[in-house]
PDB file of N, CA and C in Angstrom:
ATOM      1  N   UNK A   1       9.254  -4.484 -20.490  1.00  0.00           N
ATOM      2  CA  UNK A   1       8.210  -3.283 -20.052  1.00  0.00           C
ATOM      3  C   UNK A   1       8.429  -2.491 -18.807  1.00  0.00           C
ATOM      4  N   UNK A   2       8.311  -1.222 -18.969  1.00  0.00           N
ATOM      5  CA  UNK A   2       8.364  -0.495 -18.162  1.00  0.00           C
ATOM      6  C   UNK A   2       7.902  -0.576 -16.613  1.00  0.00           C
ATOM      7  N   UNK A   3       8.169  -0.132 -15.429  1.00  0.00           N
ATOM      8  CA  UNK A   3       7.449  -0.360 -14.217  1.00  0.00           C
ATOM      9  C   UNK A   3       6.343   0.413 -14.070  1.00  0.00           C
ATOM     10  N   UNK A   4       6.502   1.550 -14.652  1.00  0.00           N
ATOM     11  CA  UNK A   4       5.143   2.304 -14.671  1.00  0.00           C
ATOM     12  C   UNK A   4       3.881   1.751 -15.830  1.00  0.00           C
ATOM     13  N   UNK A   5       4.332   1.240 -16.762  1.00  0.00           N
ATOM     14  CA  UNK A   5       3.143   0.512 -17.665  1.00  0.00           C
ATOM     15  C   UNK A   5       2.583  -0.600 -16.939  1.00  0.00           C
ATOM     16  N   UNK A   6       3.729  -1.735 -16.158  1.00  0.00           N
ATOM     17  CA  UNK A   6       3.285  -2.455 -15.587  1.00  0.00           C
ATOM     18  C   UNK A   6       2.343  -2.201 -14.538  1.00  0.00           C
ATOM     19  N   UNK A   7       2.706  -1.165 -13.936  1.00  0.00           N
ATOM     20  CA  UNK A   7       1.935  -0.615 -12.776  1.00  0.00           C
ATOM     21  C   UNK A   7       0.342  -0.211 -13.132  1.00  0.00           C
ATOM     22  N   UNK A   8       0.446   0.214 -14.369  1.00  0.00           N
ATOM     23  CA  UNK A   8      -1.165   0.749 -15.028  1.00  0.00           C
ATOM     24  C   UNK A   8      -1.766  -0.721 -15.155  1.00  0.00           C
ATOM     25  N   UNK A   9      -0.929  -1.610 -15.759  1.00  0.00           N
ATOM     26  CA  UNK A   9      -1.558  -2.877 -15.823  1.00  0.00           C
ATOM     27  C   UNK A   9      -1.952  -3.904 -14.546  1.00  0.00           C
ATOM     28  N   UNK A  10      -1.448  -3.342 -13.519  1.00  0.00           N
ATOM     29  CA  UNK A  10      -1.959  -4.129 -12.208  1.00  0.00           C
ATOM     30  C   UNK A  10      -3.049  -3.144 -11.670  1.00  0.00           C
ATOM     31  N   UNK A  11      -2.933  -1.734 -11.673  1.00  0.00           N
ATOM     32  CA  UNK A  11      -4.277  -1.253 -11.330  1.00  0.00           C
ATOM     33  C   UNK A  11      -5.447  -1.560 -12.206  1.00  0.00           C
ATOM     34  N   UNK A  12      -5.142  -1.746 -13.499  1.00  0.00           N
ATOM     35  CA  UNK A  12      -6.306  -2.142 -14.247  1.00  0.00           C
ATOM     36  C   UNK A  12      -6.739  -3.351 -13.536  1.00  0.00           C
ATOM     37  N   UNK A  13      -6.069  -4.442 -13.169  1.00  0.00           N
ATOM     38  CA  UNK A  13      -6.363  -5.866 -12.798  1.00  0.00           C
ATOM     39  C   UNK A  13      -7.416  -5.329 -11.453  1.00  0.00           C
ATOM     40  N   UNK A  14      -6.568  -4.706 -10.834  1.00  0.00           N
ATOM     41  CA  UNK A  14      -7.449  -4.368  -9.508  1.00  0.00           C
ATOM     42  C   UNK A  14      -8.873  -3.693  -9.580  1.00  0.00           C
ATOM     43  N   UNK A  15      -8.629  -2.551 -10.852  1.00  0.00           N
ATOM     44  CA  UNK A  15     -10.154  -2.000 -10.830  1.00  0.00           C
ATOM     45  C   UNK A  15     -11.186  -3.319 -11.466  1.00  0.00           C
ATOM     46  N   UNK A  16     -10.617  -4.072 -12.211  1.00  0.00           N
ATOM     47  CA  UNK A  16     -11.421  -5.363 -12.981  1.00  0.00           C
ATOM     48  C   UNK A  16     -12.039  -5.883 -11.659  1.00  0.00           C
ATOM     49  N   UNK A  17     -11.203  -6.150 -10.976  1.00  0.00           N
ATOM     50  CA  UNK A  17     -11.320  -7.349  -9.648  1.00  0.00           C
ATOM     51  C   UNK A  17     -12.752  -6.539  -8.907  1.00  0.00           C
ATOM     52  N   UNK A  18     -12.270  -5.142  -8.873  1.00  0.00           N
ATOM     53  CA  UNK A  18     -13.584  -4.401  -7.836  1.00  0.00           C
ATOM     54  C   UNK A  18     -14.651  -4.196  -8.435  1.00  0.00           C
ATOM     55  N   UNK A  19     -14.639  -4.352  -9.817  1.00  0.00           N
ATOM     56  CA  UNK A  19     -16.077  -4.585 -10.776  1.00  0.00           C
ATOM     57  C   UNK A  19     -16.641  -5.626 -10.531  1.00  0.00           C
ATOM     58  N   UNK A  20     -15.883  -6.551 -10.659  1.00  0.00           N
ATOM     59  CA  UNK A  20     -16.553  -7.816 -10.471  1.00  0.00           C
ATOM     60  C   UNK A  20     -16.812  -8.555  -9.236  1.00  0.00           C
ATOM     61  N   UNK A  21     -16.078  -8.252  -8.372  1.00  0.00           N
ATOM     62  CA  UNK A  21     -16.275  -8.832  -6.946  1.00  0.00           C
ATOM     63  C   UNK A  21     -16.788  -7.799  -6.213  1.00  0.00           C
ATOM     64  N   UNK A  22     -16.517  -6.489  -6.355  1.00  0.00           N
ATOM     65  CA  UNK A  22     -17.273  -5.461  -5.583  1.00  0.00           C
ATOM     66  C   UNK A  22     -16.274  -4.982  -4.324  1.00  0.00           C
ATOM     67  N   UNK A  23     -15.188  -5.557  -4.360  1.00  0.00           N
ATOM     68  CA  UNK A  23     -14.092  -5.537  -3.187  1.00  0.00           C
ATOM     69  C   UNK A  23     -13.270  -3.913  -3.367  1.00  0.00           C
ATOM     70  N   UNK A  24     -13.274  -3.399  -2.364  1.00  0.00           N
ATOM     71  CA  UNK A  24     -12.757  -1.853  -2.310  1.00  0.00           C
ATOM     72  C   UNK A  24     -11.661  -1.530  -1.426  1.00  0.00           C
ATOM     73  N   UNK A  25     -11.173  -0.526  -1.620  1.00  0.00           N
ATOM     74  CA  UNK A  25      -9.794   0.058  -0.840  1.00  0.00           C
ATOM     75  C   UNK A  25      -8.709  -0.852  -0.496  1.00  0.00           C
ATOM     76  N   UNK A  26      -8.562  -0.856   0.786  1.00  0.00           N
ATOM     77  CA  UNK A  26      -7.678  -1.476   1.087  1.00  0.00           C
ATOM     78  C   UNK A  26      -7.553  -3.171   0.969  1.00  0.00           C
ATOM     79  N   UNK A  27      -8.764  -3.739   1.435  1.00  0.00           N
ATOM     80  CA  UNK A  27      -8.836  -4.910   0.868  1.00  0.00           C
ATOM     81  C   UNK A  27      -8.574  -5.459  -0.302  1.00  0.00           C
ATOM     82  N   UNK A  28      -9.101  -4.611  -1.260  1.00  0.00           N
ATOM     83  CA  UNK A  28      -8.868  -4.750  -2.687  1.00  0.00           C
ATOM     84  C   UNK A  28      -7.162  -5.007  -2.742  1.00  0.00           C
ATOM     85  N   UNK A  29      -6.630  -3.988  -2.352  1.00  0.00           N
ATOM     86  CA  UNK A  29      -5.177  -3.913  -2.743  1.00  0.00           C
ATOM     87  C   UNK A  29      -4.091  -5.109  -1.942  1.00  0.00           C
ATOM     88  N   UNK A  30      -4.745  -5.580  -0.859  1.00  0.00           N
ATOM     89  CA  UNK A  30      -3.954  -6.625  -0.072  1.00  0.00           C
ATOM     90  C   UNK A  30      -4.279  -7.640  -0.719  1.00  0.00           C
ATOM     91  N   UNK A  31      -5.775  -8.067  -1.132  1.00  0.00           N
ATOM     92  CA  UNK A  31      -5.711  -9.447  -1.820  1.00  0.00           C
ATOM     93  C   UNK A  31      -4.934  -9.498  -3.117  1.00  0.00           C
ATOM     94  N   UNK A  32      -4.790  -8.261  -4.056  1.00  0.00           N
ATOM     95  CA  UNK A  32      -4.332  -8.167  -4.966  1.00  0.00           C
ATOM     96  C   UNK A  32      -3.050  -8.763  -4.922  1.00  0.00           C
ATOM     97  N   UNK A  33      -1.942  -7.853  -4.055  1.00  0.00           N
ATOM     98  CA  UNK A  33      -0.831  -8.114  -3.905  1.00  0.00           C
ATOM     99  C   UNK A  33      -0.403  -9.686  -3.217  1.00  0.00           C
ATOM    100  N   UNK A  34      -1.141  -9.996  -2.276  1.00  0.00           N
ATOM    101  CA  UNK A  34      -0.911 -11.301  -1.892  1.00  0.00           C
ATOM    102  C   UNK A  34      -1.551 -12.497  -2.499  1.00  0.00           C
ATOM    103  N   UNK A  35      -2.381 -12.398  -3.555  1.00  0.00           N
ATOM    104  CA  UNK A  35      -3.080 -13.450  -4.391  1.00  0.00           C
ATOM    105  C   UNK A  35      -2.883 -13.360  -5.735  1.00  0.00           C
ATOM    106  N   UNK A  36      -3.058 -12.125  -6.342  1.00  0.00           N
ATOM    107  CA  UNK A  36      -3.183 -12.415  -7.846  1.00  0.00           C
ATOM    108  C   UNK A  36      -1.977 -11.875  -8.620  1.00  0.00           C
ATOM    109  N   UNK A  37      -1.039 -10.965  -7.879  1.00  0.00           N
ATOM    110  CA  UNK A  37       0.056 -10.167  -8.816  1.00  0.00           C
ATOM    111  C   UNK A  37       1.382 -11.469  -9.192  1.00  0.00           C
ATOM    112  N   UNK A  38       1.917 -11.150  -9.857  1.00  0.00           N
ATOM    113  CA  UNK A  38       2.885 -12.158 -10.169  1.00  0.00           C
ATOM    114  C   UNK A  38       4.304 -11.564  -9.215  1.00  0.00           C
ATOM    115  N   UNK A  39       4.210 -10.798  -8.459  1.00  0.00           N
ATOM    116  CA  UNK A  39       5.223 -10.190  -7.429  1.00  0.00           C
ATOM    117  C   UNK A  39       6.499  -9.603  -8.062  1.00  0.00           C
ATOM    118  N   UNK A  40       6.630  -9.551  -9.409  1.00  0.00           N
ATOM    119  CA  UNK A  40       7.679  -8.835  -9.988  1.00  0.00           C
ATOM    120  C   UNK A  40       8.075  -7.192  -9.878  1.00  0.00           C
ATOM    121  N   UNK A  41       7.138  -6.467  -9.285  1.00  0.00           N
ATOM    122  CA  UNK A  41       6.976  -5.095  -9.577  1.00  0.00           C
ATOM    123  C   UNK A  41       7.868  -4.504  -8.224  1.00  0.00           C
ATOM    124  N   UNK A  42       8.623  -3.528  -8.615  1.00  0.00           N
ATOM    125  CA  UNK A  42       9.327  -2.578  -7.592  1.00  0.00           C
ATOM    126  C   UNK A  42       8.542  -1.958  -6.763  1.00  0.00           C
ATOM    127  N   UNK A  43       8.891  -1.647  -5.331  1.00  0.00           N
ATOM    128  CA  UNK A  43       7.933  -1.274  -4.532  1.00  0.00           C
ATOM    129  C   UNK A  43       7.586   0.158  -4.791  1.00  0.00           C
ATOM    130  N   UNK A  44       8.078   1.139  -5.890  1.00  0.00           N
ATOM    131  CA  UNK A  44       7.613   2.607  -6.062  1.00  0.00           C
ATOM    132  C   UNK A  44       6.479   2.178  -7.252  1.00  0.00           C
ATOM    133  N   UNK A  45       6.490   1.319  -7.911  1.00  0.00           N
ATOM    134  CA  UNK A  45       5.645   0.765  -9.016  1.00  0.00           C
ATOM    135  C   UNK A  45       4.742   0.402  -8.589  1.00  0.00           C
ATOM    136  N   UNK A  46       4.535  -0.449  -7.366  1.00  0.00           N
ATOM    137  CA  UNK A  46       3.545  -1.245  -6.535  1.00  0.00           C
ATOM    138  C   UNK A  46       2.971  -0.042  -6.212  1.00  0.00           C
ATOM    139  N   UNK A  47       3.290   0.683  -5.473  1.00  0.00           N
ATOM    140  CA  UNK A  47       2.621   1.982  -4.433  1.00  0.00           C
ATOM    141  C   UNK A  47       1.915   2.818  -5.694  1.00  0.00           C
ATOM    142  N   UNK A  48       2.277   3.005  -6.650  1.00  0.00           N
ATOM    143  CA  UNK A  48       1.595   3.861  -7.715  1.00  0.00           C
ATOM    144  C   UNK A  48       0.665   2.984  -8.398  1.00  0.00           C
ATOM    145  N   UNK A  49       1.005   1.559  -8.686  1.00  0.00           N
ATOM    146  CA  UNK A  49      -0.515   1.016  -8.906  1.00  0.00           C
ATOM    147  C   UNK A  49      -1.699   0.955  -7.788  1.00  0.00           C
ATOM    148  N   UNK A  50      -1.271   0.922  -6.518  1.00  0.00           N
ATOM    149  CA  UNK A  50      -2.233   1.051  -5.808  1.00  0.00           C
ATOM    150  C   UNK A  50      -2.513   2.422  -5.493  1.00  0.00           C
ATOM    151  N   UNK A  51      -2.296   3.127  -5.554  1.00  0.00           N
ATOM    152  CA  UNK A  51      -2.738   4.667  -5.475  1.00  0.00           C
ATOM    153  C   UNK A  51      -3.597   4.914  -6.702  1.00  0.00           C
ATOM    154  N   UNK A  52      -3.419   4.304  -7.951  1.00  0.00           N
ATOM    155  CA  UNK A  52      -4.281   4.610  -9.071  1.00  0.00           C
ATOM    156  C   UNK A  52      -5.563   3.777  -8.997  1.00  0.00           C
ATOM    157  N   UNK A  53      -5.491   2.614  -8.257  1.00  0.00           N
ATOM    158  CA  UNK A  53      -6.655   1.717  -8.303  1.00  0.00           C
ATOM    159  C   UNK A  53      -7.394   2.502  -7.134  1.00  0.00           C
ATOM    160  N   UNK A  54      -6.943   2.560  -6.189  1.00  0.00           N
ATOM    161  CA  UNK A  54      -7.616   3.086  -4.870  1.00  0.00           C
ATOM    162  C   UNK A  54      -7.929   4.365  -5.138  1.00  0.00           C
ATOM    163  N   UNK A  55      -7.227   5.385  -5.946  1.00  0.00           N
ATOM    164  CA  UNK A  55      -7.884   6.868  -6.072  1.00  0.00           C
ATOM    165  C   UNK A  55      -8.865   6.908  -7.252  1.00  0.00           C
ATOM    166  N   UNK A  56      -8.882   5.594  -8.030  1.00  0.00           N
ATOM    167  CA  UNK A  56     -10.054   5.765  -9.089  1.00  0.00           C
ATOM    168  C   UNK A  56     -11.150   5.380  -8.333  1.00  0.00           C
ATOM    169  N   UNK A  57     -11.300   4.418  -7.593  1.00  0.00           N
ATOM    170  CA  UNK A  57     -12.479   3.881  -6.956  1.00  0.00           C
ATOM    171  C   UNK A  57     -12.725   4.970  -5.920  1.00  0.00           C
ATOM    172  N   UNK A  58     -11.968   5.845  -5.350  1.00  0.00           N
ATOM    173  CA  UNK A  58     -12.358   7.036  -4.345  1.00  0.00           C
ATOM    174  C   UNK A  58     -13.045   8.253  -5.063  1.00  0.00           C
ATOM    175  N   UNK A  59     -12.688   8.255  -6.342  1.00  0.00           N
ATOM    176  CA  UNK A  59     -13.440   9.228  -7.258  1.00  0.00           C
ATOM    177  C   UNK A  59     -14.167   8.911  -8.229  1.00  0.00           C
ATOM    178  N   UNK A  60     -14.924   7.475  -8.061  1.00  0.00           N
ATOM    179  CA  UNK A  60     -15.682   6.702  -9.005  1.00  0.00           C
ATOM    180  C   UNK A  60     -16.946   7.530  -9.516  1.00  0.00           C
ATOM    181  N   UNK A  61     -17.586   8.337  -8.788  1.00  0.00           N
ATOM    182  CA  UNK A  61     -18.525   9.172  -8.995  1.00  0.00           C
ATOM    183  C   UNK A  61     -18.155  10.259 -10.187  1.00  0.00           C
ATOM    184  N   UNK A  62     -16.891  11.012  -9.789  1.00  0.00           N
ATOM    185  CA  UNK A  62     -16.291  11.898 -10.718  1.00  0.00           C
ATOM    186  C   UNK A  62     -15.801  11.254 -11.807  1.00  0.00           C
ATOM    187  N   UNK A  63     -15.320  10.406 -11.896  1.00  0.00           N
ATOM    188  CA  UNK A  63     -14.650   9.681 -12.904  1.00  0.00           C
ATOM    189  C   UNK A  63     -15.554   9.279 -14.245  1.00  0.00           C
ATOM    190  N   UNK A  64     -16.668   8.652 -13.485  1.00  0.00           N
ATOM    191  CA  UNK A  64     -17.623   8.048 -14.386  1.00  0.00           C
ATOM    192  C   UNK A  64     -18.493   9.281 -14.988  1.00  0.00           C
ATOM    193  N   UNK A  65     -18.654  10.141 -14.351  1.00  0.00           N
ATOM    194  CA  UNK A  65     -19.594  11.547 -14.693  1.00  0.00           C
ATOM    195  C   UNK A  65     -18.947  12.219 -15.925  1.00  0.00           C
ATOM    196  N   UNK A  66     -17.389  12.031 -15.766  1.00  0.00           N
ATOM    197  CA  UNK A  66     -16.749  13.040 -16.815  1.00  0.00           C
ATOM    198  C   UNK A  66     -16.746  11.643 -18.060  1.00  0.00           C
ATOM    199  N   UNK A  67     -16.778  10.442 -17.871  1.00  0.00           N
ATOM    200  CA  UNK A  67     -16.649   9.430 -18.996  1.00  0.00           C
ATOM    201  C   UNK A  67     -18.272   9.576 -19.642  1.00  0.00           C
ATOM    202  N   UNK A  68     -19.359   9.609 -18.885  1.00  0.00           N
ATOM    203  CA  UNK A  68     -20.553   9.555 -19.289  1.00  0.00           C
ATOM    204  C   UNK A  68     -20.904  10.909 -20.028  1.00  0.00           C
ATOM    205  N   UNK A  69     -20.358  11.733 -19.733  1.00  0.00           N
ATOM    206  CA  UNK A  69     -20.700  13.059 -20.551  1.00  0.00           C
ATOM    207  C   UNK A  69     -20.007  13.444 -21.542  1.00  0.00           C
ATOM    208  N   UNK A  70     -18.954  12.309 -21.926  1.00  0.00           N
ATOM    209  CA  UNK A  70     -18.269  12.476 -23.284  1.00  0.00           C
ATOM    210  C   UNK A  70     -18.856  10.929 -24.265  1.00  0.00           C
ATOM    211  N   UNK A  71     -19.127  10.195 -23.460  1.00  0.00           N
ATOM    212  CA  UNK A  71     -19.368   8.818 -24.088  1.00  0.00           C
ATOM    213  C   UNK A  71     -20.931   8.889 -24.705  1.00  0.00           C
ATOM    214  N   UNK A  72     -20.974   9.332 -26.171  1.00  0.00           N
ATOM    215  CA  UNK A  72     -22.254   9.727 -26.668  1.00  0.00           C
ATOM    216  C   UNK A  72     -22.818   8.265 -26.977  1.00  0.00           C
ATOM    217  N   UNK A  73     -24.063   7.982 -26.884  1.00  0.00           N
ATOM    218  CA  UNK A  73     -24.962   6.942 -26.992  1.00  0.00           C
ATOM    219  C   UNK A  73     -24.213   5.475 -26.263  1.00  0.00           C
ATOM    220  N   UNK A  74     -23.369   5.732 -25.225  1.00  0.00           N
ATOM    221  CA  UNK A  74     -23.167   4.746 -24.437  1.00  0.00           C
ATOM    222  C   UNK A  74     -23.112   4.883 -23.117  1.00  0.00           C
ATOM    223  N   UNK A  75     -23.925   3.922 -22.129  1.00  0.00           N
ATOM    224  CA  UNK A  75     -23.933   4.013 -21.219  1.00  0.00           C
ATOM    225  C   UNK A  75     -22.754   3.177 -20.513  1.00  0.00           C
ATOM    226  N   UNK A  76     -22.559   3.748 -19.256  1.00  0.00           N
ATOM    227  CA  UNK A  76     -21.484   2.616 -18.426  1.00  0.00           C
ATOM    228  C   UNK A  76     -21.571   1.412 -18.510  1.00  0.00           C
ATOM    229  N   UNK A  77     -22.863   1.102 -18.313  1.00  0.00           N
ATOM    230  CA  UNK A  77     -23.236  -0.318 -17.952  1.00  0.00           C
ATOM    231  C   UNK A  77     -22.981  -1.443 -19.414  1.00  0.00           C
ATOM    232  N   UNK A  78     -23.278  -0.611 -20.516  1.00  0.00           N
ATOM    233  CA  UNK A  78     -23.085  -1.383 -21.717  1.00  0.00           C
ATOM    234  C   UNK A  78     -21.320  -1.333 -22.189  1.00  0.00           C
ATOM    235  N   UNK A  79     -20.653  -0.704 -21.824  1.00  0.00           N
ATOM    236  CA  UNK A  79     -19.482  -0.862 -22.221  1.00  0.00           C
ATOM    237  C   UNK A  79     -18.487  -2.145 -21.614  1.00  0.00           C
ATOM    238  N   UNK A  80     -17.658  -2.682 -22.424  1.00  0.00           N
ATOM    239  CA  UNK A  80     -17.020  -3.747 -22.094  1.00  0.00           C
ATOM    240  C   UNK A  80     -16.624  -3.410 -20.458  1.00  0.00           C
ATOM    241  N   UNK A  81     -16.291  -4.395 -19.796  1.00  0.00           N
ATOM    242  CA  UNK A  81     -15.724  -4.134 -18.199  1.00  0.00           C
ATOM    243  C   UNK A  81     -14.434  -3.858 -18.472  1.00  0.00           C
ATOM    244  N   UNK A  82     -13.331  -4.261 -19.373  1.00  0.00           N
ATOM    245  CA  UNK A  82     -11.859  -3.948 -19.268  1.00  0.00           C
ATOM    246  C   UNK A  82     -11.978  -2.553 -20.249  1.00  0.00           C
ATOM    247  N   UNK A  83     -12.617  -2.141 -20.983  1.00  0.00           N
ATOM    248  CA  UNK A  83     -12.626  -0.925 -21.885  1.00  0.00           C
ATOM    249  C   UNK A  83     -13.015   0.001 -20.764  1.00  0.00           C
ATOM    250  N   UNK A  84     -14.002  -0.193 -20.014  1.00  0.00           N
ATOM    251  CA  UNK A  84     -14.857   0.751 -18.613  1.00  0.00           C
ATOM    252  C   UNK A  84     -13.521   1.107 -18.059  1.00  0.00           C
ATOM    253  N   UNK A  85     -13.019   0.110 -17.423  1.00  0.00           N
ATOM    254  CA  UNK A  85     -11.994   0.307 -16.356  1.00  0.00           C
ATOM    255  C   UNK A  85     -10.513   1.024 -16.975  1.00  0.00           C
ATOM    256  N   UNK A  86     -10.322   0.827 -17.917  1.00  0.00           N
ATOM    257  CA  UNK A  86      -9.142   1.433 -18.822  1.00  0.00           C
ATOM    258  C   UNK A  86      -9.611   3.093 -18.804  1.00  0.00           C
ATOM    259  N   UNK A  87     -10.855   3.175 -19.162  1.00  0.00           N
ATOM    260  CA  UNK A  87     -10.929   4.772 -19.107  1.00  0.00           C
ATOM    261  C   UNK A  87     -11.162   5.097 -17.877  1.00  0.00           C
ATOM    262  N   UNK A  88     -11.561   4.395 -16.813  1.00  0.00           N
ATOM    263  CA  UNK A  88     -11.738   5.026 -15.639  1.00  0.00           C
ATOM    264  C   UNK A  88     -10.274   5.248 -15.051  1.00  0.00           C
ATOM    265  N   UNK A  89      -9.248   4.326 -14.994  1.00  0.00           N
ATOM    266  CA  UNK A  89      -8.033   4.667 -14.660  1.00  0.00           C
ATOM    267  C   UNK A  89      -7.366   6.073 -15.192  1.00  0.00           C
ATOM    268  N   UNK A  90      -7.570   5.928 -16.649  1.00  0.00           N
ATOM    269  CA  UNK A  90      -6.868   7.129 -17.231  1.00  0.00           C
ATOM    270  C   UNK A  90      -7.234   8.236 -16.938  1.00  0.00           C
ATOM    271  N   UNK A  91      -8.707   8.574 -16.677  1.00  0.00           N
ATOM    272  CA  UNK A  91      -9.429   9.955 -16.618  1.00  0.00           C
ATOM    273  C   UNK A  91      -8.696  10.099 -15.044  1.00  0.00           C
ATOM    274  N   UNK A  92      -8.888   9.214 -14.050  1.00  0.00           N
ATOM    275  CA  UNK A  92      -8.283   9.310 -13.053  1.00  0.00           C
ATOM    276  C   UNK A  92      -6.931   9.752 -12.868  1.00  0.00           C
ATOM    277  N   UNK A  93      -5.823   9.037 -13.669  1.00  0.00           N
ATOM    278  CA  UNK A  93      -4.561   9.524 -13.592  1.00  0.00           C
ATOM    279  C   UNK A  93      -4.435  11.006 -14.270  1.00  0.00           C
ATOM    280  N   UNK A  94      -5.816  11.478 -15.153  1.00  0.00           N
ATOM    281  CA  UNK A  94      -5.826  12.797 -16.124  1.00  0.00           C
ATOM    282  C   UNK A  94      -5.701  13.503 -14.770  1.00  0.00           C
ATOM    283  N   UNK A  95      -6.692  13.342 -13.957  1.00  0.00           N
ATOM    284  CA  UNK A  95      -7.097  14.535 -12.957  1.00  0.00           C
ATOM    285  C   UNK A  95      -6.565  14.508 -11.752  1.00  0.00           C
ATOM    286  N   UNK A  96      -5.882  13.313 -11.261  1.00  0.00           N
ATOM    287  CA  UNK A  96      -5.239  13.380  -9.715  1.00  0.00           C
ATOM    288  C   UNK A  96      -3.914  12.725  -9.810  1.00  0.00           C
ATOM    289  N   UNK A  97      -2.939  12.535 -11.156  1.00  0.00           N
ATOM    290  CA  UNK A  97      -1.769  12.349 -10.939  1.00  0.00           C
ATOM    291  C   UNK A  97      -0.636  13.415 -11.604  1.00  0.00           C
ATOM    292  N   UNK A  98       0.410  13.654 -11.767  1.00  0.00           N
ATOM    293  CA  UNK A  98       0.952  14.602 -12.320  1.00  0.00           C
ATOM    294  C   UNK A  98       1.826  14.023 -13.730  1.00  0.00           C
ATOM    295  N   UNK A  99       1.242  12.915 -14.206  1.00  0.00           N
ATOM    296  CA  UNK A  99       1.755  12.302 -15.193  1.00  0.00           C
ATOM    297  C   UNK A  99       1.365  12.808 -16.330  1.00  0.00           C
ATOM    298  N   UNK A 100       2.585  13.142 -17.223  1.00  0.00           N
ATOM    299  CA  UNK A 100       2.001  14.099 -18.593  1.00  0.00           C
ATOM    300  C   UNK A 100       1.026  13.303 -19.278  1.00  0.00           C
ATOM    301  N   UNK A 101       0.213  13.797 -19.874  1.00  0.00           N
ATOM    302  CA  UNK A 101      -1.313  13.555 -20.552  1.00  0.00           C
ATOM    303  C   UNK A 101      -0.754  12.206 -21.591  1.00  0.00           C
ATOM    304  N   UNK A 102       0.132  12.810 -22.457  1.00  0.00           N
ATOM    305  CA  UNK A 102       0.657  11.512 -23.265  1.00  0.00           C
ATOM    306  C   UNK A 102       0.928  10.173 -23.204  1.00  0.00           C
ATOM    307  N   UNK A 103       1.555  10.200 -22.022  1.00  0.00           N
ATOM    308  CA  UNK A 103       2.013   9.178 -21.269  1.00  0.00           C
ATOM    309  C   UNK A 103       0.753   8.245 -20.551  1.00  0.00           C
ATOM    310  N   UNK A 104       0.092   9.074 -19.996  1.00  0.00           N
ATOM    311  CA  UNK A 104      -1.431   8.218 -19.303  1.00  0.00           C
ATOM    312  C   UNK A 104      -2.183   7.463 -20.244  1.00  0.00           C
ATOM    313  N   UNK A 105      -2.033   7.558 -21.550  1.00  0.00           N
ATOM    314  CA  UNK A 105      -3.179   6.559 -22.442  1.00  0.00           C
ATOM    315  C   UNK A 105      -2.406   5.435 -23.088  1.00  0.00           C
ATOM    316  N   UNK A 106      -0.979   5.453 -22.795  1.00  0.00           N
ATOM    317  CA  UNK A 106      -0.194   4.811 -23.470  1.00  0.00           C
ATOM    318  C   UNK A 106      -0.262   3.041 -22.903  1.00  0.00           C
TER     319      UNK A 106
END
């Protein structure tokens, strides 16, 4: 598995934790990397994962509004926790990272 793909997986895990526990920002990243991650991620990918997760949370209102405006007949609260956070991470990456769009959703 590529390191960027693994970083996206870690970002998703952080977003899931934030959704469940309400932890945000630096505390979220610190807890994840010290307690939850497998530790096998290279430093650049780790930084990318942290940037994705914290960037998504920092722009949550904008990201959620983009999803809400296109999710016909689905409220954010009705979406599965993992699905909602996959969408959030991808939308944030679309908007705030230079990643090619076709790569972002893989």
